[in-house]
Amino acid sequence: MALERKLKVLNKPYVKSFKDKHGIVFDCVDMYKQPAFDHPLLKNHKLQESTWTGPSTAGQRIRVHPQESCPDGTVPIRRTLKQDLVMASLSSPRFRPANNKDHSEIPGQHFAQLLVDSVAGSKFQGASALLEVDTVAVPVGQVSSAQILLVDDSFHSSVVNVVQAGWSDSQTRFTTYWTADDYRSTGCLNVQCPGFVVVSQTSTPGMVLPGGITAISISKVPAECNN
């Protein structure tokens, strides 16, 4: 079946695995064999980590599971289960910008936002923010989140490229999402398709964030990254 084939592609061979306190399994995968490098635009890509220079109050950058660490040369990747793919196919994007309004184009979704536009003739190549992480009690069927989004709508008015990161759910898990065509057919949550490259031995999308202030930084989505 298609789901089984996709699971085999996403769940790479690993040298170690561990569970968080909620029973979610993470596999330590060779850094250059993680799902992100299945994307054709990232083939033979050499990782280049930048140094975080955010405010000191940010603490360690997205260090969410200090009691577990993957061996050198490997990174933690949340193991994808069949039900994860089923839920992803049934759900809408968890956050979608909507022209300076306090509600989304998705019915029942509301948010507060701060918008910053690039200066005419220039573009943002990345952005960062300090997000407060809170354990929020939400009713069944509802989601609370705090995210930073980098949106590129300079190419076509009907096609918007977005990369977003932050936390969501009552367990405040680190969450990422990207799209290259206004959420129509490209992109996915976390690492359920190639896109986000994990470089930390202790942190990865899908992990529970500690309470307090967490620094989030994201880079620009290439317009041609639409597979």
N, C-alpha and C. Protein backbone atom coordinates (compact mmCIF):
# COMPACT_ATOMS: atom_id res chain seq x y z
N MET A 1 0.83 -1.20 0.00
CA MET A 1 0.00 0.00 0.00
C MET A 1 0.87 1.26 0.00
N ALA A 2 0.25 2.38 -0.41
CA ALA A 2 1.01 3.62 -0.52
C ALA A 2 1.54 4.08 0.83
N LEU A 3 0.73 3.93 1.89
CA LEU A 3 1.18 4.39 3.21
C LEU A 3 2.38 3.59 3.69
N GLU A 4 2.37 2.29 3.48
CA GLU A 4 3.50 1.46 3.90
C GLU A 4 4.77 1.84 3.16
N ARG A 5 4.64 2.12 1.86
CA ARG A 5 5.81 2.53 1.07
C ARG A 5 6.36 3.86 1.58
N LYS A 6 5.46 4.78 1.92
CA LYS A 6 5.91 6.08 2.41
C LYS A 6 6.59 5.94 3.76
N LEU A 7 6.08 5.06 4.62
CA LEU A 7 6.69 4.84 5.92
C LEU A 7 8.11 4.30 5.78
N LYS A 8 8.32 3.41 4.81
CA LYS A 8 9.66 2.87 4.59
C LYS A 8 10.63 3.95 4.13
N VAL A 9 10.13 4.93 3.38
CA VAL A 9 10.97 6.02 2.91
C VAL A 9 11.29 6.98 4.05
N LEU A 10 10.30 7.29 4.88
CA LEU A 10 10.49 8.27 5.95
C LEU A 10 11.28 7.72 7.12
N ASN A 11 11.03 6.49 7.50
CA ASN A 11 11.70 5.90 8.67
C ASN A 11 13.02 5.26 8.25
N LYS A 12 14.09 6.00 8.44
CA LYS A 12 15.41 5.60 7.99
C LYS A 12 16.06 4.61 8.97
N PRO A 13 17.07 3.86 8.52
CA PRO A 13 17.84 3.01 9.44
C PRO A 13 18.44 3.87 10.54
N TYR A 14 18.50 3.35 11.75
CA TYR A 14 18.98 4.14 12.88
C TYR A 14 19.96 3.35 13.72
N VAL A 15 20.77 4.06 14.48
CA VAL A 15 21.78 3.41 15.33
C VAL A 15 21.32 3.35 16.79
N LYS A 16 20.27 4.11 17.12
CA LYS A 16 19.76 4.16 18.48
C LYS A 16 18.36 4.74 18.43
N SER A 17 17.50 4.34 19.35
CA SER A 17 16.18 4.95 19.45
C SER A 17 15.84 5.15 20.92
N PHE A 18 14.94 6.09 21.20
CA PHE A 18 14.50 6.33 22.56
C PHE A 18 13.07 6.88 22.54
N LYS A 19 12.39 6.80 23.69
CA LYS A 19 11.04 7.31 23.83
C LYS A 19 11.04 8.50 24.78
N ASP A 20 10.14 9.46 24.50
CA ASP A 20 9.95 10.52 25.49
C ASP A 20 8.93 10.04 26.52
N LYS A 21 8.62 10.88 27.50
CA LYS A 21 7.75 10.44 28.58
C LYS A 21 6.31 10.22 28.13
N HIS A 22 5.99 10.63 26.89
CA HIS A 22 4.66 10.43 26.35
C HIS A 22 4.60 9.21 25.44
N GLY A 23 5.71 8.49 25.32
CA GLY A 23 5.73 7.28 24.51
C GLY A 23 6.04 7.49 23.05
N ILE A 24 6.44 8.71 22.64
CA ILE A 24 6.79 8.98 21.25
C ILE A 24 8.22 8.51 21.01
N VAL A 25 8.43 7.78 19.92
CA VAL A 25 9.74 7.20 19.61
C VAL A 25 10.53 8.12 18.68
N PHE A 26 11.81 8.30 19.00
CA PHE A 26 12.73 9.07 18.16
C PHE A 26 13.90 8.17 17.79
N ASP A 27 14.27 8.19 16.51
CA ASP A 27 15.38 7.37 16.02
C ASP A 27 16.59 8.25 15.73
N CYS A 28 17.78 7.79 16.10
CA CYS A 28 19.03 8.50 15.80
C CYS A 28 19.50 8.05 14.42
N VAL A 29 19.35 8.95 13.45
CA VAL A 29 19.61 8.64 12.04
C VAL A 29 20.86 9.38 11.57
N ASP A 30 21.62 8.75 10.69
CA ASP A 30 22.77 9.42 10.08
C ASP A 30 22.34 10.79 9.57
N MET A 31 23.09 11.84 9.94
CA MET A 31 22.71 13.21 9.62
C MET A 31 22.44 13.40 8.13
N TYR A 32 23.23 12.74 7.28
CA TYR A 32 23.08 12.92 5.84
C TYR A 32 22.14 11.91 5.21
N LYS A 33 21.47 11.10 6.04
CA LYS A 33 20.49 10.15 5.51
C LYS A 33 19.10 10.43 6.07
N GLN A 34 18.93 11.60 6.71
CA GLN A 34 17.64 11.98 7.25
C GLN A 34 16.68 12.30 6.11
N PRO A 35 15.35 12.28 6.37
CA PRO A 35 14.37 12.49 5.30
C PRO A 35 14.55 13.75 4.48
N ALA A 36 15.07 14.83 5.07
CA ALA A 36 15.22 16.09 4.34
C ALA A 36 16.04 15.93 3.07
N PHE A 37 17.05 15.05 3.12
CA PHE A 37 17.94 14.91 1.97
C PHE A 37 17.37 14.04 0.85
N ASP A 38 16.13 13.60 1.02
CA ASP A 38 15.44 12.94 -0.09
C ASP A 38 14.92 13.96 -1.09
N HIS A 39 14.87 15.24 -0.68
CA HIS A 39 14.41 16.28 -1.60
C HIS A 39 15.46 16.49 -2.68
N PRO A 40 15.06 16.52 -3.95
CA PRO A 40 16.04 16.68 -5.05
C PRO A 40 16.90 17.93 -4.94
N LEU A 41 16.39 19.01 -4.35
CA LEU A 41 17.17 20.24 -4.24
C LEU A 41 18.22 20.15 -3.13
N LEU A 42 18.14 19.13 -2.29
CA LEU A 42 19.10 18.98 -1.20
C LEU A 42 20.08 17.82 -1.44
N LYS A 43 20.03 17.23 -2.60
CA LYS A 43 20.96 16.16 -2.91
C LYS A 43 22.39 16.70 -2.89
N ASN A 44 23.28 15.98 -2.22
CA ASN A 44 24.70 16.34 -2.12
C ASN A 44 24.90 17.69 -1.42
N HIS A 45 23.92 18.11 -0.63
CA HIS A 45 24.03 19.38 0.09
C HIS A 45 24.96 19.22 1.29
N LYS A 46 25.80 20.21 1.52
CA LYS A 46 26.70 20.20 2.67
C LYS A 46 26.12 21.11 3.74
N LEU A 47 25.96 20.57 4.94
CA LEU A 47 25.39 21.35 6.02
C LEU A 47 26.32 22.47 6.46
N GLN A 48 25.72 23.65 6.70
CA GLN A 48 26.47 24.79 7.20
C GLN A 48 25.68 25.40 8.34
N GLU A 49 26.11 25.14 9.55
CA GLU A 49 25.42 25.67 10.73
C GLU A 49 25.88 27.09 11.01
N SER A 50 24.92 27.96 11.31
CA SER A 50 25.25 29.31 11.72
C SER A 50 25.27 29.37 13.24
N THR A 51 25.95 30.35 13.78
CA THR A 51 26.04 30.51 15.23
C THR A 51 24.90 31.37 15.73
N TRP A 52 24.19 30.90 16.77
CA TRP A 52 23.07 31.66 17.32
C TRP A 52 23.58 32.85 18.11
N THR A 53 23.04 34.02 17.78
CA THR A 53 23.48 35.24 18.46
C THR A 53 22.31 35.97 19.10
N GLY A 54 21.28 35.23 19.46
CA GLY A 54 20.08 35.83 20.04
C GLY A 54 20.32 36.30 21.46
N PRO A 55 19.30 36.93 22.07
CA PRO A 55 19.42 37.43 23.44
C PRO A 55 19.77 36.33 24.41
N SER A 56 20.48 36.68 25.49
CA SER A 56 20.91 35.68 26.45
C SER A 56 19.75 35.01 27.14
N THR A 57 18.61 35.70 27.22
CA THR A 57 17.44 35.11 27.87
C THR A 57 16.89 33.94 27.09
N ALA A 58 17.35 33.77 25.85
CA ALA A 58 16.83 32.66 25.04
C ALA A 58 17.34 31.32 25.55
N GLY A 59 18.44 31.32 26.26
CA GLY A 59 19.01 30.05 26.72
C GLY A 59 19.53 29.26 25.54
N GLN A 60 19.51 27.95 25.66
CA GLN A 60 20.00 27.11 24.58
C GLN A 60 18.96 27.06 23.47
N ARG A 61 19.42 27.03 22.26
CA ARG A 61 18.52 27.12 21.12
C ARG A 61 17.82 25.80 20.87
N ILE A 62 16.53 25.74 21.11
CA ILE A 62 15.69 24.57 20.88
C ILE A 62 16.33 23.32 21.46
N ARG A 63 16.82 23.39 22.67
CA ARG A 63 17.34 22.19 23.33
C ARG A 63 16.21 21.62 24.16
N VAL A 64 15.52 20.60 23.63
CA VAL A 64 14.26 20.20 24.22
C VAL A 64 14.30 18.85 24.93
N HIS A 65 15.35 18.09 24.80
CA HIS A 65 15.37 16.76 25.40
C HIS A 65 16.77 16.46 25.90
N PRO A 66 17.27 17.25 26.88
CA PRO A 66 18.67 17.15 27.29
C PRO A 66 19.06 15.81 27.90
N GLN A 67 18.07 15.02 28.38
CA GLN A 67 18.43 13.75 28.98
C GLN A 67 18.73 12.68 27.92
N GLU A 68 18.46 12.96 26.66
CA GLU A 68 18.77 12.04 25.58
C GLU A 68 19.61 12.76 24.53
N SER A 69 20.59 12.06 24.01
CA SER A 69 21.44 12.64 22.97
C SER A 69 21.81 11.55 21.98
N CYS A 70 21.74 11.89 20.70
CA CYS A 70 22.14 10.93 19.67
C CYS A 70 23.65 10.93 19.52
N PRO A 71 24.24 9.81 19.08
CA PRO A 71 25.68 9.74 18.87
C PRO A 71 26.16 10.75 17.84
N ASP A 72 27.44 11.08 17.88
CA ASP A 72 28.02 12.00 16.90
C ASP A 72 27.70 11.54 15.49
N GLY A 73 27.35 12.49 14.64
CA GLY A 73 27.07 12.19 13.24
C GLY A 73 25.63 11.76 12.98
N THR A 74 24.82 11.68 14.04
CA THR A 74 23.41 11.31 13.88
C THR A 74 22.52 12.37 14.51
N VAL A 75 21.26 12.39 14.10
CA VAL A 75 20.29 13.35 14.62
C VAL A 75 19.00 12.62 14.95
N PRO A 76 18.23 13.13 15.93
CA PRO A 76 16.97 12.48 16.28
C PRO A 76 15.87 12.83 15.29
N ILE A 77 15.18 11.81 14.81
CA ILE A 77 14.04 11.99 13.91
C ILE A 77 12.85 11.26 14.49
N ARG A 78 11.76 11.97 14.67
CA ARG A 78 10.56 11.32 15.21
C ARG A 78 10.10 10.22 14.27
N ARG A 79 9.90 9.03 14.82
CA ARG A 79 9.46 7.91 14.00
C ARG A 79 8.02 8.15 13.54
N THR A 80 7.80 8.06 12.24
CA THR A 80 6.47 8.29 11.67
C THR A 80 5.67 6.99 11.70
N LEU A 81 4.46 7.08 12.20
CA LEU A 81 3.56 5.94 12.25
C LEU A 81 2.46 6.09 11.20
N LYS A 82 1.81 5.00 10.91
CA LYS A 82 0.75 5.02 9.90
C LYS A 82 -0.34 6.02 10.27
N GLN A 83 -0.70 6.07 11.57
CA GLN A 83 -1.76 6.99 11.97
C GLN A 83 -1.34 8.45 11.80
N ASP A 84 -0.03 8.72 11.86
CA ASP A 84 0.45 10.08 11.63
C ASP A 84 0.14 10.52 10.20
N LEU A 85 0.38 9.62 9.24
CA LEU A 85 0.12 9.95 7.84
C LEU A 85 -1.37 10.06 7.57
N VAL A 86 -2.16 9.22 8.21
CA VAL A 86 -3.61 9.28 8.03
C VAL A 86 -4.15 10.60 8.56
N MET A 87 -3.71 11.00 9.77
CA MET A 87 -4.17 12.26 10.35
C MET A 87 -3.73 13.45 9.52
N ALA A 88 -2.51 13.39 8.98
CA ALA A 88 -2.00 14.49 8.16
C ALA A 88 -2.83 14.67 6.90
N SER A 89 -3.31 13.57 6.33
CA SER A 89 -4.09 13.65 5.10
C SER A 89 -5.50 14.19 5.34
N LEU A 90 -5.95 14.12 6.60
CA LEU A 90 -7.31 14.56 6.93
C LEU A 90 -7.37 15.97 7.49
N SER A 91 -6.23 16.46 7.99
CA SER A 91 -6.24 17.75 8.68
C SER A 91 -5.78 18.89 7.78
N SER A 92 -6.21 20.10 8.13
CA SER A 92 -5.79 21.31 7.42
C SER A 92 -4.52 21.85 8.05
N PRO A 93 -3.81 22.74 7.38
CA PRO A 93 -2.66 23.39 8.02
C PRO A 93 -3.06 23.98 9.35
N ARG A 94 -2.18 23.93 10.34
CA ARG A 94 -2.54 24.36 11.69
C ARG A 94 -2.54 25.88 11.84
N PHE A 95 -2.01 26.56 10.88
CA PHE A 95 -1.99 28.02 10.95
C PHE A 95 -1.90 28.54 9.53
N ARG A 96 -2.71 29.53 9.20
CA ARG A 96 -2.66 30.07 7.85
C ARG A 96 -2.92 31.57 7.88
N PRO A 97 -2.00 32.39 7.39
CA PRO A 97 -2.18 33.85 7.41
C PRO A 97 -3.42 34.26 6.62
N ALA A 98 -4.03 35.36 7.03
CA ALA A 98 -5.25 35.79 6.35
C ALA A 98 -5.37 37.31 6.32
N ASN A 99 -4.49 37.98 5.59
CA ASN A 99 -4.65 39.40 5.27
C ASN A 99 -4.99 40.31 6.45
N ASN A 100 -4.10 40.31 7.45
CA ASN A 100 -4.22 41.23 8.58
C ASN A 100 -5.49 41.06 9.42
N LYS A 101 -6.13 39.90 9.35
CA LYS A 101 -7.34 39.66 10.13
C LYS A 101 -7.00 38.86 11.38
N ASP A 102 -7.93 38.88 12.35
CA ASP A 102 -7.69 38.14 13.57
C ASP A 102 -8.25 36.73 13.51
N HIS A 103 -8.65 36.30 12.30
CA HIS A 103 -9.11 34.93 12.13
C HIS A 103 -8.50 34.36 10.86
N SER A 104 -8.46 33.05 10.78
CA SER A 104 -7.85 32.38 9.65
C SER A 104 -8.87 32.11 8.56
N GLU A 105 -8.39 31.67 7.40
CA GLU A 105 -9.29 31.20 6.36
C GLU A 105 -9.86 29.83 6.72
N ILE A 106 -9.30 29.21 7.77
CA ILE A 106 -9.81 27.94 8.25
C ILE A 106 -10.88 28.23 9.29
N PRO A 107 -12.11 27.77 9.11
CA PRO A 107 -13.20 28.08 10.05
C PRO A 107 -12.85 27.71 11.49
N GLY A 108 -13.16 28.63 12.42
CA GLY A 108 -12.95 28.37 13.83
C GLY A 108 -11.54 28.64 14.32
N GLN A 109 -10.63 29.06 13.44
CA GLN A 109 -9.25 29.32 13.84
C GLN A 109 -9.06 30.83 14.04
N HIS A 110 -8.54 31.21 15.20
CA HIS A 110 -8.32 32.61 15.54
C HIS A 110 -6.88 32.79 16.04
N PHE A 111 -6.35 33.99 15.86
CA PHE A 111 -4.98 34.22 16.30
C PHE A 111 -4.71 35.71 16.48
N ALA A 112 -3.67 35.98 17.25
CA ALA A 112 -3.12 37.33 17.35
C ALA A 112 -1.81 37.32 16.58
N GLN A 113 -1.50 38.38 15.86
CA GLN A 113 -0.30 38.36 15.03
C GLN A 113 0.39 39.71 15.00
N LEU A 114 1.69 39.66 14.76
CA LEU A 114 2.51 40.84 14.55
C LEU A 114 3.14 40.69 13.17
N LEU A 115 2.88 41.62 12.28
CA LEU A 115 3.37 41.55 10.91
C LEU A 115 4.52 42.53 10.70
N VAL A 116 5.57 42.06 10.03
CA VAL A 116 6.70 42.91 9.67
C VAL A 116 6.97 42.71 8.18
N ASP A 117 6.86 43.80 7.40
CA ASP A 117 7.10 43.72 5.96
C ASP A 117 8.55 44.09 5.64
N SER A 118 9.08 43.48 4.58
CA SER A 118 10.42 43.84 4.14
C SER A 118 10.39 45.21 3.47
N VAL A 119 11.51 45.89 3.51
CA VAL A 119 11.63 47.19 2.85
C VAL A 119 11.56 46.98 1.35
N ALA A 120 10.93 47.89 0.63
CA ALA A 120 10.79 47.77 -0.82
C ALA A 120 12.14 47.51 -1.47
N GLY A 121 12.19 46.49 -2.28
CA GLY A 121 13.43 46.15 -2.98
C GLY A 121 14.33 45.19 -2.23
N SER A 122 13.98 44.86 -1.00
CA SER A 122 14.79 43.92 -0.21
C SER A 122 13.92 42.75 0.22
N LYS A 123 14.59 41.70 0.70
CA LYS A 123 13.88 40.51 1.14
C LYS A 123 14.48 39.99 2.44
N PHE A 124 13.64 39.40 3.27
CA PHE A 124 14.14 38.71 4.45
C PHE A 124 14.74 37.38 4.01
N GLN A 125 15.90 37.04 4.55
CA GLN A 125 16.49 35.73 4.31
C GLN A 125 16.26 34.80 5.50
N GLY A 126 15.82 35.39 6.60
CA GLY A 126 15.55 34.60 7.79
C GLY A 126 14.92 35.47 8.85
N ALA A 127 14.48 34.87 9.93
CA ALA A 127 13.85 35.61 11.01
C ALA A 127 13.98 34.80 12.29
N SER A 128 13.83 35.49 13.42
CA SER A 128 13.90 34.80 14.71
C SER A 128 12.94 35.45 15.68
N ALA A 129 12.57 34.71 16.70
CA ALA A 129 11.64 35.23 17.70
C ALA A 129 11.83 34.48 19.00
N LEU A 130 11.45 35.12 20.10
CA LEU A 130 11.41 34.46 21.40
C LEU A 130 9.95 34.16 21.71
N LEU A 131 9.62 32.89 21.86
CA LEU A 131 8.25 32.47 22.11
C LEU A 131 8.12 31.93 23.53
N GLU A 132 7.08 32.36 24.23
CA GLU A 132 6.82 31.80 25.55
C GLU A 132 6.16 30.45 25.39
N VAL A 133 6.68 29.46 26.09
CA VAL A 133 6.16 28.10 26.01
C VAL A 133 5.32 27.82 27.25
N ASP A 134 4.04 27.51 27.04
CA ASP A 134 3.13 27.24 28.14
C ASP A 134 2.41 25.91 27.90
N THR A 135 2.18 25.17 28.96
CA THR A 135 1.36 23.97 28.87
C THR A 135 -0.09 24.41 28.99
N VAL A 136 -0.82 24.35 27.89
CA VAL A 136 -2.17 24.88 27.82
C VAL A 136 -3.18 23.73 27.81
N ALA A 137 -4.15 23.79 28.70
CA ALA A 137 -5.22 22.79 28.72
C ALA A 137 -6.26 23.19 27.69
N VAL A 138 -6.38 22.40 26.62
CA VAL A 138 -7.34 22.71 25.56
C VAL A 138 -8.34 21.56 25.43
N PRO A 139 -9.59 21.88 25.08
CA PRO A 139 -10.60 20.83 24.91
C PRO A 139 -10.24 19.89 23.75
N VAL A 140 -10.81 18.71 23.76
CA VAL A 140 -10.59 17.75 22.68
C VAL A 140 -11.03 18.37 21.36
N GLY A 141 -10.21 18.21 20.34
CA GLY A 141 -10.54 18.75 19.03
C GLY A 141 -10.04 20.16 18.79
N GLN A 142 -9.41 20.77 19.84
CA GLN A 142 -8.86 22.11 19.68
C GLN A 142 -7.34 22.08 19.84
N VAL A 143 -6.68 23.09 19.28
CA VAL A 143 -5.23 23.18 19.33
C VAL A 143 -4.84 24.61 19.67
N SER A 144 -3.83 24.78 20.53
CA SER A 144 -3.26 26.09 20.81
C SER A 144 -1.82 26.08 20.32
N SER A 145 -1.35 27.20 19.78
CA SER A 145 0.01 27.22 19.25
C SER A 145 0.58 28.63 19.27
N ALA A 146 1.90 28.71 19.17
CA ALA A 146 2.62 29.98 19.01
C ALA A 146 3.69 29.73 17.96
N GLN A 147 3.68 30.50 16.89
CA GLN A 147 4.57 30.23 15.77
C GLN A 147 5.13 31.51 15.17
N ILE A 148 6.24 31.36 14.48
CA ILE A 148 6.80 32.43 13.66
C ILE A 148 6.74 31.95 12.22
N LEU A 149 6.30 32.82 11.32
CA LEU A 149 6.17 32.47 9.91
C LEU A 149 6.99 33.42 9.05
N LEU A 150 7.64 32.89 8.05
CA LEU A 150 8.35 33.68 7.04
C LEU A 150 7.61 33.45 5.73
N VAL A 151 7.00 34.50 5.19
CA VAL A 151 6.11 34.38 4.04
C VAL A 151 6.70 35.11 2.85
N ASP A 152 6.73 34.45 1.70
CA ASP A 152 7.23 35.05 0.47
C ASP A 152 6.09 35.03 -0.56
N ASP A 153 5.54 36.21 -0.84
CA ASP A 153 4.47 36.31 -1.83
C ASP A 153 4.89 37.21 -2.99
N SER A 154 6.19 37.28 -3.24
CA SER A 154 6.70 38.22 -4.24
C SER A 154 6.65 37.69 -5.67
N PHE A 155 6.43 36.38 -5.84
CA PHE A 155 6.51 35.79 -7.18
C PHE A 155 5.16 35.82 -7.89
N HIS A 156 4.15 35.30 -7.25
CA HIS A 156 2.82 35.29 -7.85
C HIS A 156 1.81 35.60 -6.75
N SER A 157 0.85 36.44 -7.06
CA SER A 157 -0.12 36.84 -6.04
C SER A 157 -0.92 35.65 -5.52
N SER A 158 -1.08 34.60 -6.34
CA SER A 158 -1.88 33.45 -5.93
C SER A 158 -1.03 32.31 -5.37
N VAL A 159 0.29 32.47 -5.38
CA VAL A 159 1.18 31.43 -4.88
C VAL A 159 2.06 32.02 -3.78
N VAL A 160 1.89 31.53 -2.58
CA VAL A 160 2.63 32.04 -1.43
C VAL A 160 3.50 30.95 -0.85
N ASN A 161 4.79 31.25 -0.64
CA ASN A 161 5.71 30.31 -0.02
C ASN A 161 5.81 30.65 1.47
N VAL A 162 5.70 29.64 2.30
CA VAL A 162 5.70 29.87 3.75
C VAL A 162 6.55 28.81 4.44
N VAL A 163 7.36 29.24 5.41
CA VAL A 163 8.01 28.31 6.32
C VAL A 163 7.67 28.77 7.73
N GLN A 164 7.26 27.86 8.59
CA GLN A 164 6.81 28.24 9.92
C GLN A 164 7.35 27.26 10.96
N ALA A 165 7.56 27.79 12.17
CA ALA A 165 8.07 26.97 13.26
C ALA A 165 7.59 27.55 14.58
N GLY A 166 7.42 26.69 15.56
CA GLY A 166 6.97 27.13 16.87
C GLY A 166 6.55 25.94 17.70
N TRP A 167 5.48 26.09 18.48
CA TRP A 167 4.98 24.96 19.25
C TRP A 167 3.48 24.88 19.11
N SER A 168 2.94 23.68 19.33
CA SER A 168 1.49 23.49 19.28
C SER A 168 1.11 22.32 20.16
N ASP A 169 -0.19 22.18 20.40
CA ASP A 169 -0.77 21.12 21.22
C ASP A 169 -0.57 21.38 22.71
N SER A 170 -1.33 20.68 23.53
CA SER A 170 -1.24 20.85 24.97
C SER A 170 0.09 20.36 25.52
N GLN A 171 0.81 19.51 24.76
CA GLN A 171 2.14 19.04 25.17
C GLN A 171 3.24 19.99 24.70
N THR A 172 2.87 21.06 24.05
CA THR A 172 3.80 22.08 23.54
C THR A 172 4.98 21.45 22.79
N ARG A 173 4.67 20.72 21.77
CA ARG A 173 5.71 20.09 20.95
C ARG A 173 6.23 21.06 19.89
N PHE A 174 7.55 21.01 19.67
CA PHE A 174 8.19 21.81 18.62
C PHE A 174 7.59 21.38 17.28
N THR A 175 7.06 22.36 16.54
CA THR A 175 6.32 22.07 15.32
C THR A 175 6.84 22.90 14.15
N THR A 176 6.95 22.28 12.99
CA THR A 176 7.36 22.99 11.77
C THR A 176 6.39 22.67 10.65
N TYR A 177 6.34 23.56 9.68
CA TYR A 177 5.49 23.35 8.50
C TYR A 177 6.05 24.20 7.38
N TRP A 178 5.90 23.73 6.13
CA TRP A 178 6.29 24.56 4.99
C TRP A 178 5.36 24.29 3.82
N THR A 179 5.25 25.27 2.94
CA THR A 179 4.50 25.11 1.70
C THR A 179 5.11 26.03 0.64
N ALA A 180 5.07 25.60 -0.60
CA ALA A 180 5.58 26.42 -1.70
C ALA A 180 4.46 26.85 -2.65
N ASP A 181 3.20 26.51 -2.30
CA ASP A 181 2.09 26.90 -3.18
C ASP A 181 0.83 27.23 -2.39
N ASP A 182 1.00 28.01 -1.33
CA ASP A 182 -0.13 28.48 -0.53
C ASP A 182 -0.94 27.33 0.06
N TYR A 183 -0.25 26.30 0.55
CA TYR A 183 -0.87 25.17 1.25
C TYR A 183 -1.74 24.30 0.35
N ARG A 184 -1.57 24.39 -0.96
CA ARG A 184 -2.45 23.62 -1.85
C ARG A 184 -2.05 22.17 -1.96
N SER A 185 -0.80 21.93 -2.34
CA SER A 185 -0.40 20.52 -2.52
C SER A 185 1.02 20.23 -2.04
N THR A 186 1.79 21.24 -1.70
CA THR A 186 3.16 21.02 -1.26
C THR A 186 3.31 21.23 0.23
N GLY A 187 4.38 20.69 0.78
CA GLY A 187 4.69 20.90 2.18
C GLY A 187 4.05 19.89 3.10
N CYS A 188 4.44 19.94 4.37
CA CYS A 188 3.93 18.98 5.34
C CYS A 188 4.31 19.41 6.75
N LEU A 189 3.77 18.70 7.72
CA LEU A 189 4.06 18.94 9.12
C LEU A 189 5.36 18.23 9.51
N ASN A 190 6.22 18.94 10.21
CA ASN A 190 7.47 18.37 10.72
C ASN A 190 8.29 17.70 9.63
N VAL A 191 8.63 16.41 9.78
CA VAL A 191 9.48 15.74 8.77
C VAL A 191 8.70 14.67 8.02
N GLN A 192 7.40 14.89 7.84
CA GLN A 192 6.60 13.91 7.12
C GLN A 192 6.79 13.99 5.61
N CYS A 193 7.62 14.93 5.18
CA CYS A 193 8.09 14.99 3.80
C CYS A 193 9.41 15.76 3.84
N PRO A 194 10.25 15.65 2.80
CA PRO A 194 11.54 16.35 2.82
C PRO A 194 11.36 17.86 2.94
N GLY A 195 12.22 18.50 3.73
CA GLY A 195 12.13 19.95 3.86
C GLY A 195 13.01 20.47 4.97
N PHE A 196 12.67 20.18 6.22
CA PHE A 196 13.44 20.69 7.35
C PHE A 196 14.64 19.79 7.63
N VAL A 197 15.82 20.41 7.72
CA VAL A 197 17.06 19.69 7.99
C VAL A 197 17.36 19.78 9.49
N VAL A 198 17.51 18.63 10.13
CA VAL A 198 17.82 18.58 11.55
C VAL A 198 19.34 18.52 11.73
N VAL A 199 19.89 19.39 12.59
CA VAL A 199 21.35 19.42 12.81
C VAL A 199 21.72 19.17 14.26
N SER A 200 20.74 19.19 15.16
CA SER A 200 21.01 19.00 16.58
C SER A 200 21.00 17.52 16.95
N GLN A 201 21.83 17.14 17.91
CA GLN A 201 21.85 15.77 18.41
C GLN A 201 20.80 15.56 19.50
N THR A 202 20.17 16.63 19.95
CA THR A 202 19.22 16.53 21.06
C THR A 202 17.83 17.08 20.75
N SER A 203 17.67 17.81 19.66
CA SER A 203 16.42 18.50 19.39
C SER A 203 15.92 18.22 17.98
N THR A 204 14.60 18.13 17.82
CA THR A 204 14.03 17.84 16.51
C THR A 204 12.54 18.16 16.52
N PRO A 205 11.93 18.43 15.36
CA PRO A 205 10.48 18.63 15.32
C PRO A 205 9.75 17.43 15.91
N GLY A 206 8.72 17.73 16.70
CA GLY A 206 7.95 16.68 17.34
C GLY A 206 8.27 16.46 18.79
N MET A 207 9.37 17.07 19.29
CA MET A 207 9.74 16.93 20.70
C MET A 207 9.02 17.97 21.56
N VAL A 208 8.83 17.61 22.83
CA VAL A 208 8.20 18.52 23.77
C VAL A 208 9.19 19.60 24.19
N LEU A 209 8.77 20.85 24.12
CA LEU A 209 9.61 21.97 24.53
C LEU A 209 9.50 22.20 26.03
N PRO A 210 10.57 22.64 26.68
CA PRO A 210 10.50 22.97 28.11
C PRO A 210 9.73 24.27 28.29
N GLY A 211 9.15 24.47 29.46
CA GLY A 211 8.46 25.72 29.73
C GLY A 211 9.43 26.88 29.82
N GLY A 212 8.91 28.09 29.60
CA GLY A 212 9.77 29.27 29.64
C GLY A 212 9.84 29.95 28.30
N ILE A 213 10.99 30.55 28.00
CA ILE A 213 11.19 31.26 26.74
C ILE A 213 12.09 30.44 25.83
N THR A 214 11.66 30.22 24.60
CA THR A 214 12.42 29.45 23.63
C THR A 214 12.71 30.30 22.40
N ALA A 215 13.93 30.23 21.90
CA ALA A 215 14.31 30.96 20.70
C ALA A 215 14.02 30.12 19.47
N ILE A 216 13.35 30.71 18.50
CA ILE A 216 13.04 30.04 17.24
C ILE A 216 13.61 30.88 16.10
N SER A 217 14.35 30.25 15.21
CA SER A 217 14.83 30.97 14.02
C SER A 217 14.57 30.11 12.80
N ILE A 218 14.20 30.76 11.68
CA ILE A 218 13.90 30.05 10.45
C ILE A 218 14.54 30.78 9.28
N SER A 219 14.76 30.06 8.19
CA SER A 219 15.37 30.63 6.98
C SER A 219 14.36 30.64 5.85
N LYS A 220 14.66 31.42 4.85
CA LYS A 220 13.78 31.61 3.70
C LYS A 220 13.56 30.31 2.93
N VAL A 221 12.33 30.11 2.45
CA VAL A 221 12.00 28.95 1.62
C VAL A 221 12.31 29.28 0.17
N PRO A 222 13.13 28.48 -0.53
CA PRO A 222 13.36 28.72 -1.95
C PRO A 222 12.05 28.57 -2.73
N ALA A 223 11.79 29.48 -3.65
CA ALA A 223 10.55 29.42 -4.43
C ALA A 223 10.46 28.14 -5.25
N GLU A 224 11.62 27.62 -5.69
CA GLU A 224 11.60 26.44 -6.53
C GLU A 224 11.51 25.15 -5.75
N CYS A 225 11.47 25.24 -4.42
CA CYS A 225 11.42 24.05 -3.56
C CYS A 225 9.97 23.61 -3.42
N ASN A 226 9.42 23.02 -4.47
CA ASN A 226 7.98 22.77 -4.47
C ASN A 226 7.62 21.33 -4.77
N ASN A 227 8.49 20.41 -4.44
CA ASN A 227 8.19 18.98 -4.67
C ASN A 227 7.77 18.33 -3.37
